[in-house]
């Protein structure tokens, strides 16, 4: 008799879990900084994803959102900066050390 209640509880748990919508797993996406450019120039991510900027140039860069939603440290050559995208929206950004370097982060 002890086996039936346990089986019923297990079956109920399986049915309950099957109907729940699973949230997409968070991803890590990379923006490469090289030759005075952000690559990709436009990156679309989901809220909760992590974005890593990697500086492959021989001099420092940063990533600063036009609306100040994020601002990295000045990344020296070979360094990176990580940002967790929590707020949805379109975020144009620039390297304030080299204002011709522009890109856009889109968070859905």
PDB file of N, CA and C in Angstrom:
ATOM      1  N   UNK A   1       0.808  -1.204   0.000  1.00  0.00           N
ATOM      2  CA  UNK A   1       0.000   0.000   0.000  1.00  0.00           C
ATOM      3  C   UNK A   1       0.848   1.264   0.000  1.00  0.00           C
ATOM      4  N   UNK A   2       2.030   1.222   0.491  1.00  0.00           N
ATOM      5  CA  UNK A   2       2.854   2.403   0.527  1.00  0.00           C
ATOM      6  C   UNK A   2       3.319   2.820  -0.870  1.00  0.00           C
ATOM      7  N   UNK A   3       3.359   1.911  -1.792  1.00  0.00           N
ATOM      8  CA  UNK A   3       3.836   2.221  -3.133  1.00  0.00           C
ATOM      9  C   UNK A   3       2.834   3.053  -3.923  1.00  0.00           C
ATOM     10  N   UNK A   4       1.563   2.837  -3.777  1.00  0.00           N
ATOM     11  CA  UNK A   4       0.572   3.568  -4.551  1.00  0.00           C
ATOM     12  C   UNK A   4       0.576   5.064  -4.265  1.00  0.00           C
ATOM     13  N   UNK A   5       0.559   5.524  -3.005  1.00  0.00           N
ATOM     14  CA  UNK A   5       0.595   6.975  -2.787  1.00  0.00           C
ATOM     15  C   UNK A   5       1.858   7.608  -3.360  1.00  0.00           C
ATOM     16  N   UNK A   6       2.979   6.925  -3.240  1.00  0.00           N
ATOM     17  CA  UNK A   6       4.214   7.478  -3.778  1.00  0.00           C
ATOM     18  C   UNK A   6       4.123   7.586  -5.296  1.00  0.00           C
ATOM     19  N   UNK A   7       3.541   6.577  -5.937  1.00  0.00           N
ATOM     20  CA  UNK A   7       3.383   6.606  -7.381  1.00  0.00           C
ATOM     21  C   UNK A   7       2.442   7.731  -7.790  1.00  0.00           C
ATOM     22  N   UNK A   8       1.390   7.924  -7.059  1.00  0.00           N
ATOM     23  CA  UNK A   8       0.430   8.993  -7.364  1.00  0.00           C
ATOM     24  C   UNK A   8       1.092  10.357  -7.222  1.00  0.00           C
ATOM     25  N   UNK A   9       1.899  10.540  -6.198  1.00  0.00           N
ATOM     26  CA  UNK A   9       2.600  11.812  -6.018  1.00  0.00           C
ATOM     27  C   UNK A   9       3.574  12.056  -7.159  1.00  0.00           C
ATOM     28  N   UNK A  10       4.288  11.022  -7.571  1.00  0.00           N
ATOM     29  CA  UNK A  10       5.239  11.150  -8.673  1.00  0.00           C
ATOM     30  C   UNK A  10       4.504  11.509  -9.971  1.00  0.00           C
ATOM     31  N   UNK A  11       3.406  10.832 -10.260  1.00  0.00           N
ATOM     32  CA  UNK A  11       2.641  11.100 -11.480  1.00  0.00           C
ATOM     33  C   UNK A  11       2.096  12.528 -11.468  1.00  0.00           C
ATOM     34  N   UNK A  12       1.640  12.988 -10.318  1.00  0.00           N
ATOM     35  CA  UNK A  12       1.138  14.359 -10.203  1.00  0.00           C
ATOM     36  C   UNK A  12       2.240  15.372 -10.439  1.00  0.00           C
ATOM     37  N   UNK A  13       3.427  15.104  -9.937  1.00  0.00           N
ATOM     38  CA  UNK A  13       4.551  16.022 -10.116  1.00  0.00           C
ATOM     39  C   UNK A  13       4.960  16.083 -11.576  1.00  0.00           C
ATOM     40  N   UNK A  14       4.955  14.943 -12.255  1.00  0.00           N
ATOM     41  CA  UNK A  14       5.311  14.916 -13.668  1.00  0.00           C
ATOM     42  C   UNK A  14       4.292  15.702 -14.479  1.00  0.00           C
ATOM     43  N   UNK A  15       3.017  15.512 -14.230  1.00  0.00           N
ATOM     44  CA  UNK A  15       1.967  16.230 -14.959  1.00  0.00           C
ATOM     45  C   UNK A  15       2.063  17.725 -14.706  1.00  0.00           C
ATOM     46  N   UNK A  16       2.300  18.125 -13.474  1.00  0.00           N
ATOM     47  CA  UNK A  16       2.402  19.540 -13.142  1.00  0.00           C
ATOM     48  C   UNK A  16       3.587  20.166 -13.860  1.00  0.00           C
ATOM     49  N   UNK A  17       4.742  19.508 -13.841  1.00  0.00           N
ATOM     50  CA  UNK A  17       5.940  20.041 -14.472  1.00  0.00           C
ATOM     51  C   UNK A  17       5.809  20.115 -15.986  1.00  0.00           C
ATOM     52  N   UNK A  18       5.091  19.208 -16.584  1.00  0.00           N
ATOM     53  CA  UNK A  18       4.973  19.167 -18.037  1.00  0.00           C
ATOM     54  C   UNK A  18       4.204  20.371 -18.573  1.00  0.00           C
ATOM     55  N   UNK A  19       3.273  20.914 -17.792  1.00  0.00           N
ATOM     56  CA  UNK A  19       2.464  22.028 -18.263  1.00  0.00           C
ATOM     57  C   UNK A  19       3.114  23.381 -18.065  1.00  0.00           C
ATOM     58  N   UNK A  20       4.148  23.455 -17.263  1.00  0.00           N
ATOM     59  CA  UNK A  20       4.793  24.738 -16.981  1.00  0.00           C
ATOM     60  C   UNK A  20       5.683  25.138 -18.159  1.00  0.00           C
ATOM     61  N   UNK A  21       5.607  26.407 -18.538  1.00  0.00           N
ATOM     62  CA  UNK A  21       6.446  26.912 -19.635  1.00  0.00           C
ATOM     63  C   UNK A  21       7.854  27.163 -19.110  1.00  0.00           C
ATOM     64  N   UNK A  22       8.812  26.637 -19.794  1.00  0.00           N
ATOM     65  CA  UNK A  22      10.205  26.819 -19.379  1.00  0.00           C
ATOM     66  C   UNK A  22      10.742  28.133 -19.941  1.00  0.00           C
ATOM     67  N   UNK A  23      11.433  28.886 -19.105  1.00  0.00           N
ATOM     68  CA  UNK A  23      12.068  30.125 -19.549  1.00  0.00           C
ATOM     69  C   UNK A  23      13.302  29.753 -20.367  1.00  0.00           C
ATOM     70  N   UNK A  24      13.579  30.530 -21.424  1.00  0.00           N
ATOM     71  CA  UNK A  24      14.781  30.205 -22.212  1.00  0.00           C
ATOM     72  C   UNK A  24      16.033  30.362 -21.357  1.00  0.00           C
ATOM     73  N   UNK A  25      16.977  29.488 -21.575  1.00  0.00           N
ATOM     74  CA  UNK A  25      18.231  29.541 -20.818  1.00  0.00           C
ATOM     75  C   UNK A  25      19.005  30.796 -21.218  1.00  0.00           C
ATOM     76  N   UNK A  26      19.586  31.450 -20.234  1.00  0.00           N
ATOM     77  CA  UNK A  26      20.387  32.650 -20.502  1.00  0.00           C
ATOM     78  C   UNK A  26      21.637  32.262 -21.283  1.00  0.00           C
ATOM     79  N   UNK A  27      22.026  33.141 -22.190  1.00  0.00           N
ATOM     80  CA  UNK A  27      23.203  32.902 -23.024  1.00  0.00           C
ATOM     81  C   UNK A  27      24.250  33.974 -22.765  1.00  0.00           C
ATOM     82  N   UNK A  28      25.457  33.679 -23.153  1.00  0.00           N
ATOM     83  CA  UNK A  28      26.533  34.664 -23.126  1.00  0.00           C
ATOM     84  C   UNK A  28      26.889  34.983 -24.569  1.00  0.00           C
ATOM     85  N   UNK A  29      26.865  36.269 -24.901  1.00  0.00           N
ATOM     86  CA  UNK A  29      27.183  36.733 -26.251  1.00  0.00           C
ATOM     87  C   UNK A  29      28.410  37.627 -26.177  1.00  0.00           C
ATOM     88  N   UNK A  30      29.197  37.671 -27.247  1.00  0.00           N
ATOM     89  CA  UNK A  30      30.455  38.408 -27.242  1.00  0.00           C
ATOM     90  C   UNK A  30      30.466  39.496 -28.309  1.00  0.00           C
ATOM     91  N   UNK A  31      30.970  40.663 -27.916  1.00  0.00           N
ATOM     92  CA  UNK A  31      31.250  41.761 -28.844  1.00  0.00           C
ATOM     93  C   UNK A  31      32.767  41.906 -28.869  1.00  0.00           C
ATOM     94  N   UNK A  32      33.348  41.799 -30.051  1.00  0.00           N
ATOM     95  CA  UNK A  32      34.789  41.946 -30.203  1.00  0.00           C
ATOM     96  C   UNK A  32      35.110  43.388 -30.577  1.00  0.00           C
ATOM     97  N   UNK A  33      36.095  43.952 -29.924  1.00  0.00           N
ATOM     98  CA  UNK A  33      36.566  45.297 -30.246  1.00  0.00           C
ATOM     99  C   UNK A  33      37.908  45.131 -30.940  1.00  0.00           C
ATOM    100  N   UNK A  34      37.931  45.515 -32.226  1.00  0.00           N
ATOM    101  CA  UNK A  34      39.141  45.345 -33.013  1.00  0.00           C
ATOM    102  C   UNK A  34      39.099  46.301 -34.198  1.00  0.00           C
ATOM    103  N   UNK A  35      40.257  46.873 -34.533  1.00  0.00           N
ATOM    104  CA  UNK A  35      40.371  47.817 -35.657  1.00  0.00           C
ATOM    105  C   UNK A  35      39.408  48.987 -35.503  1.00  0.00           C
ATOM    106  N   UNK A  36      39.288  49.481 -34.259  1.00  0.00           N
ATOM    107  CA  UNK A  36      38.425  50.621 -33.941  1.00  0.00           C
ATOM    108  C   UNK A  36      36.973  50.380 -34.326  1.00  0.00           C
ATOM    109  N   UNK A  37      36.497  49.137 -34.106  1.00  0.00           N
ATOM    110  CA  UNK A  37      35.110  48.780 -34.394  1.00  0.00           C
ATOM    111  C   UNK A  37      34.582  47.815 -33.341  1.00  0.00           C
ATOM    112  N   UNK A  38      33.262  47.901 -33.115  1.00  0.00           N
ATOM    113  CA  UNK A  38      32.555  46.898 -32.327  1.00  0.00           C
ATOM    114  C   UNK A  38      32.006  45.876 -33.322  1.00  0.00           C
ATOM    115  N   UNK A  39      32.218  44.601 -33.054  1.00  0.00           N
ATOM    116  CA  UNK A  39      31.706  43.571 -33.946  1.00  0.00           C
ATOM    117  C   UNK A  39      31.022  42.471 -33.129  1.00  0.00           C
ATOM    118  N   UNK A  40      29.716  42.266 -33.357  1.00  0.00           N
ATOM    119  CA  UNK A  40      28.894  42.876 -34.377  1.00  0.00           C
ATOM    120  C   UNK A  40      28.505  44.308 -34.016  1.00  0.00           C
ATOM    121  N   UNK A  41      28.168  45.083 -35.041  1.00  0.00           N
ATOM    122  CA  UNK A  41      27.763  46.473 -34.824  1.00  0.00           C
ATOM    123  C   UNK A  41      26.367  46.554 -34.219  1.00  0.00           C
ATOM    124  N   UNK A  42      25.581  45.509 -34.384  1.00  0.00           N
ATOM    125  CA  UNK A  42      24.256  45.420 -33.777  1.00  0.00           C
ATOM    126  C   UNK A  42      24.096  44.013 -33.226  1.00  0.00           C
ATOM    127  N   UNK A  43      23.760  43.925 -31.937  1.00  0.00           N
ATOM    128  CA  UNK A  43      23.630  42.629 -31.283  1.00  0.00           C
ATOM    129  C   UNK A  43      22.278  42.556 -30.601  1.00  0.00           C
ATOM    130  N   UNK A  44      21.523  41.495 -30.886  1.00  0.00           N
ATOM    131  CA  UNK A  44      20.221  41.266 -30.265  1.00  0.00           C
ATOM    132  C   UNK A  44      20.347  40.127 -29.258  1.00  0.00           C
ATOM    133  N   UNK A  45      19.913  40.394 -28.023  1.00  0.00           N
ATOM    134  CA  UNK A  45      19.971  39.400 -26.959  1.00  0.00           C
ATOM    135  C   UNK A  45      18.627  39.377 -26.239  1.00  0.00           C
ATOM    136  N   UNK A  46      18.425  38.375 -25.404  1.00  0.00           N
ATOM    137  CA  UNK A  46      17.234  38.307 -24.561  1.00  0.00           C
ATOM    138  C   UNK A  46      17.555  38.883 -23.190  1.00  0.00           C
ATOM    139  N   UNK A  47      16.535  39.428 -22.528  1.00  0.00           N
ATOM    140  CA  UNK A  47      16.720  39.894 -21.158  1.00  0.00           C
ATOM    141  C   UNK A  47      17.219  38.711 -20.327  1.00  0.00           C
ATOM    142  N   UNK A  48      18.241  38.943 -19.542  1.00  0.00           N
ATOM    143  CA  UNK A  48      18.859  37.887 -18.737  1.00  0.00           C
ATOM    144  C   UNK A  48      20.146  37.361 -19.339  1.00  0.00           C
ATOM    145  N   UNK A  49      20.368  37.642 -20.626  1.00  0.00           N
ATOM    146  CA  UNK A  49      21.616  37.220 -21.262  1.00  0.00           C
ATOM    147  C   UNK A  49      22.777  38.080 -20.778  1.00  0.00           C
ATOM    148  N   UNK A  50      23.969  37.569 -20.942  1.00  0.00           N
ATOM    149  CA  UNK A  50      25.193  38.274 -20.588  1.00  0.00           C
ATOM    150  C   UNK A  50      25.922  38.657 -21.864  1.00  0.00           C
ATOM    151  N   UNK A  51      26.433  39.882 -21.884  1.00  0.00           N
ATOM    152  CA  UNK A  51      27.213  40.357 -23.021  1.00  0.00           C
ATOM    153  C   UNK A  51      28.629  40.631 -22.529  1.00  0.00           C
ATOM    154  N   UNK A  52      29.611  40.112 -23.267  1.00  0.00           N
ATOM    155  CA  UNK A  52      31.019  40.318 -22.929  1.00  0.00           C
ATOM    156  C   UNK A  52      31.668  41.096 -24.066  1.00  0.00           C
ATOM    157  N   UNK A  53      32.252  42.240 -23.748  1.00  0.00           N
ATOM    158  CA  UNK A  53      33.038  43.004 -24.718  1.00  0.00           C
ATOM    159  C   UNK A  53      34.497  42.611 -24.518  1.00  0.00           C
ATOM    160  N   UNK A  54      35.184  42.215 -25.604  1.00  0.00           N
ATOM    161  CA  UNK A  54      36.592  41.807 -25.544  1.00  0.00           C
ATOM    162  C   UNK A  54      37.412  42.761 -26.406  1.00  0.00           C
ATOM    163  N   UNK A  55      38.400  43.401 -25.789  1.00  0.00           N
ATOM    164  CA  UNK A  55      39.245  44.359 -26.500  1.00  0.00           C
ATOM    165  C   UNK A  55      40.455  43.663 -27.107  1.00  0.00           C
ATOM    166  N   UNK A  56      40.485  43.585 -28.440  1.00  0.00           N
ATOM    167  CA  UNK A  56      41.611  42.989 -29.149  1.00  0.00           C
ATOM    168  C   UNK A  56      42.501  44.053 -29.790  1.00  0.00           C
ATOM    169  N   UNK A  57      42.174  45.337 -29.554  1.00  0.00           N
ATOM    170  CA  UNK A  57      43.026  46.414 -30.052  1.00  0.00           C
ATOM    171  C   UNK A  57      44.211  46.614 -29.114  1.00  0.00           C
ATOM    172  N   UNK A  58      45.185  47.378 -29.561  1.00  0.00           N
ATOM    173  CA  UNK A  58      46.405  47.622 -28.770  1.00  0.00           C
ATOM    174  C   UNK A  58      46.239  48.782 -27.791  1.00  0.00           C
ATOM    175  N   UNK A  59      45.062  49.372 -27.733  1.00  0.00           N
ATOM    176  CA  UNK A  59      44.827  50.522 -26.870  1.00  0.00           C
ATOM    177  C   UNK A  59      43.458  50.386 -26.206  1.00  0.00           C
ATOM    178  N   UNK A  60      43.171  51.172 -25.153  1.00  0.00           N
ATOM    179  CA  UNK A  60      41.933  51.013 -24.391  1.00  0.00           C
ATOM    180  C   UNK A  60      40.684  51.465 -25.149  1.00  0.00           C
ATOM    181  N   UNK A  61      39.556  50.851 -24.748  1.00  0.00           N
ATOM    182  CA  UNK A  61      38.227  51.198 -25.250  1.00  0.00           C
ATOM    183  C   UNK A  61      37.229  51.036 -24.110  1.00  0.00           C
ATOM    184  N   UNK A  62      36.040  51.593 -24.307  1.00  0.00           N
ATOM    185  CA  UNK A  62      34.931  51.346 -23.393  1.00  0.00           C
ATOM    186  C   UNK A  62      33.651  51.212 -24.201  1.00  0.00           C
ATOM    187  N   UNK A  63      32.578  50.836 -23.546  1.00  0.00           N
ATOM    188  CA  UNK A  63      31.253  50.742 -24.156  1.00  0.00           C
ATOM    189  C   UNK A  63      30.304  51.511 -23.252  1.00  0.00           C
ATOM    190  N   UNK A  64      29.768  52.623 -23.762  1.00  0.00           N
ATOM    191  CA  UNK A  64      28.918  53.500 -22.961  1.00  0.00           C
ATOM    192  C   UNK A  64      27.605  53.743 -23.691  1.00  0.00           C
ATOM    193  N   UNK A  65      26.499  53.332 -23.095  1.00  0.00           N
ATOM    194  CA  UNK A  65      25.179  53.535 -23.697  1.00  0.00           C
ATOM    195  C   UNK A  65      24.868  55.024 -23.763  1.00  0.00           C
ATOM    196  N   UNK A  66      24.247  55.431 -24.869  1.00  0.00           N
ATOM    197  CA  UNK A  66      23.882  56.837 -25.045  1.00  0.00           C
ATOM    198  C   UNK A  66      23.020  57.339 -23.887  1.00  0.00           C
ATOM    199  N   UNK A  67      22.122  56.469 -23.372  1.00  0.00           N
ATOM    200  CA  UNK A  67      21.234  56.875 -22.277  1.00  0.00           C
ATOM    201  C   UNK A  67      21.806  56.526 -20.903  1.00  0.00           C
ATOM    202  N   UNK A  68      23.072  56.135 -20.856  1.00  0.00           N
ATOM    203  CA  UNK A  68      23.800  55.791 -19.616  1.00  0.00           C
ATOM    204  C   UNK A  68      23.254  54.550 -18.921  1.00  0.00           C
ATOM    205  N   UNK A  69      22.526  53.690 -19.653  1.00  0.00           N
ATOM    206  CA  UNK A  69      22.013  52.443 -19.069  1.00  0.00           C
ATOM    207  C   UNK A  69      23.162  51.517 -18.670  1.00  0.00           C
ATOM    208  N   UNK A  70      24.295  51.640 -19.345  1.00  0.00           N
ATOM    209  CA  UNK A  70      25.496  50.910 -18.956  1.00  0.00           C
ATOM    210  C   UNK A  70      26.717  51.709 -19.378  1.00  0.00           C
ATOM    211  N   UNK A  71      27.805  51.496 -18.641  1.00  0.00           N
ATOM    212  CA  UNK A  71      29.089  52.089 -18.987  1.00  0.00           C
ATOM    213  C   UNK A  71      30.174  51.164 -18.473  1.00  0.00           C
ATOM    214  N   UNK A  72      30.970  50.689 -19.379  1.00  0.00           N
ATOM    215  CA  UNK A  72      32.044  49.780 -18.990  1.00  0.00           C
ATOM    216  C   UNK A  72      33.206  50.564 -18.395  1.00  0.00           C
ATOM    217  N   UNK A  73      34.122  49.825 -17.838  1.00  0.00           N
ATOM    218  CA  UNK A  73      35.416  50.389 -17.465  1.00  0.00           C
ATOM    219  C   UNK A  73      36.183  50.597 -18.765  1.00  0.00           C
ATOM    220  N   UNK A  74      37.262  51.360 -18.723  1.00  0.00           N
ATOM    221  CA  UNK A  74      38.145  51.450 -19.878  1.00  0.00           C
ATOM    222  C   UNK A  74      38.927  50.141 -19.931  1.00  0.00           C
ATOM    223  N   UNK A  75      38.649  49.356 -20.962  1.00  0.00           N
ATOM    224  CA  UNK A  75      39.287  48.045 -21.107  1.00  0.00           C
ATOM    225  C   UNK A  75      40.631  48.196 -21.804  1.00  0.00           C
ATOM    226  N   UNK A  76      41.667  47.821 -21.127  1.00  0.00           N
ATOM    227  CA  UNK A  76      42.997  47.819 -21.733  1.00  0.00           C
ATOM    228  C   UNK A  76      43.068  46.692 -22.760  1.00  0.00           C
ATOM    229  N   UNK A  77      44.081  46.699 -23.576  1.00  0.00           N
ATOM    230  CA  UNK A  77      44.286  45.661 -24.582  1.00  0.00           C
ATOM    231  C   UNK A  77      44.278  44.278 -23.926  1.00  0.00           C
ATOM    232  N   UNK A  78      43.525  43.355 -24.520  1.00  0.00           N
ATOM    233  CA  UNK A  78      43.454  41.995 -23.991  1.00  0.00           C
ATOM    234  C   UNK A  78      42.471  41.809 -22.858  1.00  0.00           C
ATOM    235  N   UNK A  79      41.820  42.867 -22.423  1.00  0.00           N
ATOM    236  CA  UNK A  79      40.866  42.786 -21.300  1.00  0.00           C
ATOM    237  C   UNK A  79      39.438  42.731 -21.813  1.00  0.00           C
ATOM    238  N   UNK A  80      38.513  42.412 -20.896  1.00  0.00           N
ATOM    239  CA  UNK A  80      37.103  42.354 -21.257  1.00  0.00           C
ATOM    240  C   UNK A  80      36.248  42.950 -20.147  1.00  0.00           C
ATOM    241  N   UNK A  81      34.981  43.182 -20.483  1.00  0.00           N
ATOM    242  CA  UNK A  81      33.997  43.696 -19.526  1.00  0.00           C
ATOM    243  C   UNK A  81      32.693  42.958 -19.768  1.00  0.00           C
ATOM    244  N   UNK A  82      32.021  42.586 -18.681  1.00  0.00           N
ATOM    245  CA  UNK A  82      30.794  41.796 -18.752  1.00  0.00           C
ATOM    246  C   UNK A  82      29.612  42.586 -18.230  1.00  0.00           C
ATOM    247  N   UNK A  83      28.485  42.461 -18.937  1.00  0.00           N
ATOM    248  CA  UNK A  83      27.248  43.175 -18.590  1.00  0.00           C
ATOM    249  C   UNK A  83      26.083  42.202 -18.701  1.00  0.00           C
ATOM    250  N   UNK A  84      25.229  42.160 -17.668  1.00  0.00           N
ATOM    251  CA  UNK A  84      24.020  41.333 -17.710  1.00  0.00           C
ATOM    252  C   UNK A  84      22.871  42.215 -18.186  1.00  0.00           C
ATOM    253  N   UNK A  85      22.291  41.879 -19.328  1.00  0.00           N
ATOM    254  CA  UNK A  85      21.211  42.668 -19.936  1.00  0.00           C
ATOM    255  C   UNK A  85      19.900  42.322 -19.242  1.00  0.00           C
ATOM    256  N   UNK A  86      19.411  43.210 -18.418  1.00  0.00           N
ATOM    257  CA  UNK A  86      18.173  42.962 -17.667  1.00  0.00           C
ATOM    258  C   UNK A  86      16.989  43.759 -18.210  1.00  0.00           C
ATOM    259  N   UNK A  87      17.246  44.974 -18.659  1.00  0.00           N
ATOM    260  CA  UNK A  87      16.181  45.876 -19.096  1.00  0.00           C
ATOM    261  C   UNK A  87      16.000  45.786 -20.609  1.00  0.00           C
ATOM    262  N   UNK A  88      14.755  45.577 -21.050  1.00  0.00           N
ATOM    263  CA  UNK A  88      14.462  45.490 -22.475  1.00  0.00           C
ATOM    264  C   UNK A  88      14.534  46.868 -23.114  1.00  0.00           C
ATOM    265  N   UNK A  89      14.982  46.890 -24.365  1.00  0.00           N
ATOM    266  CA  UNK A  89      15.037  48.140 -25.096  1.00  0.00           C
ATOM    267  C   UNK A  89      16.141  48.125 -26.140  1.00  0.00           C
ATOM    268  N   UNK A  90      16.278  49.260 -26.798  1.00  0.00           N
ATOM    269  CA  UNK A  90      17.323  49.451 -27.803  1.00  0.00           C
ATOM    270  C   UNK A  90      18.325  50.430 -27.219  1.00  0.00           C
ATOM    271  N   UNK A  91      19.594  50.020 -27.168  1.00  0.00           N
ATOM    272  CA  UNK A  91      20.628  50.800 -26.509  1.00  0.00           C
ATOM    273  C   UNK A  91      21.791  51.093 -27.460  1.00  0.00           C
ATOM    274  N   UNK A  92      21.731  52.216 -28.177  1.00  0.00           N
ATOM    275  CA  UNK A  92      22.902  52.625 -28.944  1.00  0.00           C
ATOM    276  C   UNK A  92      24.034  52.923 -27.962  1.00  0.00           C
ATOM    277  N   UNK A  93      25.266  52.577 -28.343  1.00  0.00           N
ATOM    278  CA  UNK A  93      26.394  52.858 -27.454  1.00  0.00           C
ATOM    279  C   UNK A  93      27.608  53.274 -28.263  1.00  0.00           C
ATOM    280  N   UNK A  94      28.586  53.810 -27.554  1.00  0.00           N
ATOM    281  CA  UNK A  94      29.774  54.388 -28.172  1.00  0.00           C
ATOM    282  C   UNK A  94      30.977  54.122 -27.274  1.00  0.00           C
ATOM    283  N   UNK A  95      32.159  54.161 -27.854  1.00  0.00           N
ATOM    284  CA  UNK A  95      33.388  54.207 -27.063  1.00  0.00           C
ATOM    285  C   UNK A  95      33.663  55.695 -26.847  1.00  0.00           C
ATOM    286  N   UNK A  96      33.614  56.153 -25.620  1.00  0.00           N
ATOM    287  CA  UNK A  96      33.808  57.586 -25.360  1.00  0.00           C
ATOM    288  C   UNK A  96      35.248  58.023 -25.619  1.00  0.00           C
ATOM    289  N   UNK A  97      36.172  57.074 -25.688  1.00  0.00           N
ATOM    290  CA  UNK A  97      37.560  57.398 -25.998  1.00  0.00           C
ATOM    291  C   UNK A  97      37.772  57.570 -27.504  1.00  0.00           C
ATOM    292  N   UNK A  98      36.877  56.956 -28.287  1.00  0.00           N
ATOM    293  CA  UNK A  98      36.942  57.007 -29.758  1.00  0.00           C
ATOM    294  C   UNK A  98      35.509  57.152 -30.269  1.00  0.00           C
ATOM    295  N   UNK A  99      34.963  58.368 -30.254  1.00  0.00           N
ATOM    296  CA  UNK A  99      33.526  58.583 -30.528  1.00  0.00           C
ATOM    297  C   UNK A  99      33.024  58.138 -31.893  1.00  0.00           C
ATOM    298  N   UNK A 100      33.908  57.816 -32.828  1.00  0.00           N
ATOM    299  CA  UNK A 100      33.442  57.295 -34.116  1.00  0.00           C
ATOM    300  C   UNK A 100      33.057  55.830 -34.020  1.00  0.00           C
ATOM    301  N   UNK A 101      33.409  55.168 -32.920  1.00  0.00           N
ATOM    302  CA  UNK A 101      33.053  53.769 -32.691  1.00  0.00           C
ATOM    303  C   UNK A 101      31.659  53.712 -32.100  1.00  0.00           C
ATOM    304  N   UNK A 102      30.705  53.209 -32.880  1.00  0.00           N
ATOM    305  CA  UNK A 102      29.316  53.151 -32.430  1.00  0.00           C
ATOM    306  C   UNK A 102      28.743  51.771 -32.729  1.00  0.00           C
ATOM    307  N   UNK A 103      27.789  51.361 -31.905  1.00  0.00           N
ATOM    308  CA  UNK A 103      27.100  50.087 -32.098  1.00  0.00           C
ATOM    309  C   UNK A 103      25.767  50.146 -31.354  1.00  0.00           C
ATOM    310  N   UNK A 104      25.004  49.056 -31.431  1.00  0.00           N
ATOM    311  CA  UNK A 104      23.692  49.004 -30.778  1.00  0.00           C
ATOM    312  C   UNK A 104      23.491  47.651 -30.119  1.00  0.00           C
ATOM    313  N   UNK A 105      22.995  47.678 -28.880  1.00  0.00           N
ATOM    314  CA  UNK A 105      22.583  46.480 -28.156  1.00  0.00           C
ATOM    315  C   UNK A 105      21.065  46.507 -28.088  1.00  0.00           C
ATOM    316  N   UNK A 106      20.432  45.425 -28.552  1.00  0.00           N
ATOM    317  CA  UNK A 106      18.978  45.301 -28.522  1.00  0.00           C
ATOM    318  C   UNK A 106      18.640  44.193 -27.547  1.00  0.00           C
ATOM    319  N   UNK A 107      17.856  44.526 -26.518  1.00  0.00           N
ATOM    320  CA  UNK A 107      17.481  43.540 -25.492  1.00  0.00           C
ATOM    321  C   UNK A 107      15.985  43.284 -25.614  1.00  0.00           C
ATOM    322  N   UNK A 108      15.620  42.040 -25.908  1.00  0.00           N
ATOM    323  CA  UNK A 108      14.203  41.651 -26.086  1.00  0.00           C
ATOM    324  C   UNK A 108      13.677  40.963 -24.852  1.00  0.00           C
TER     325      UNK A 108
END
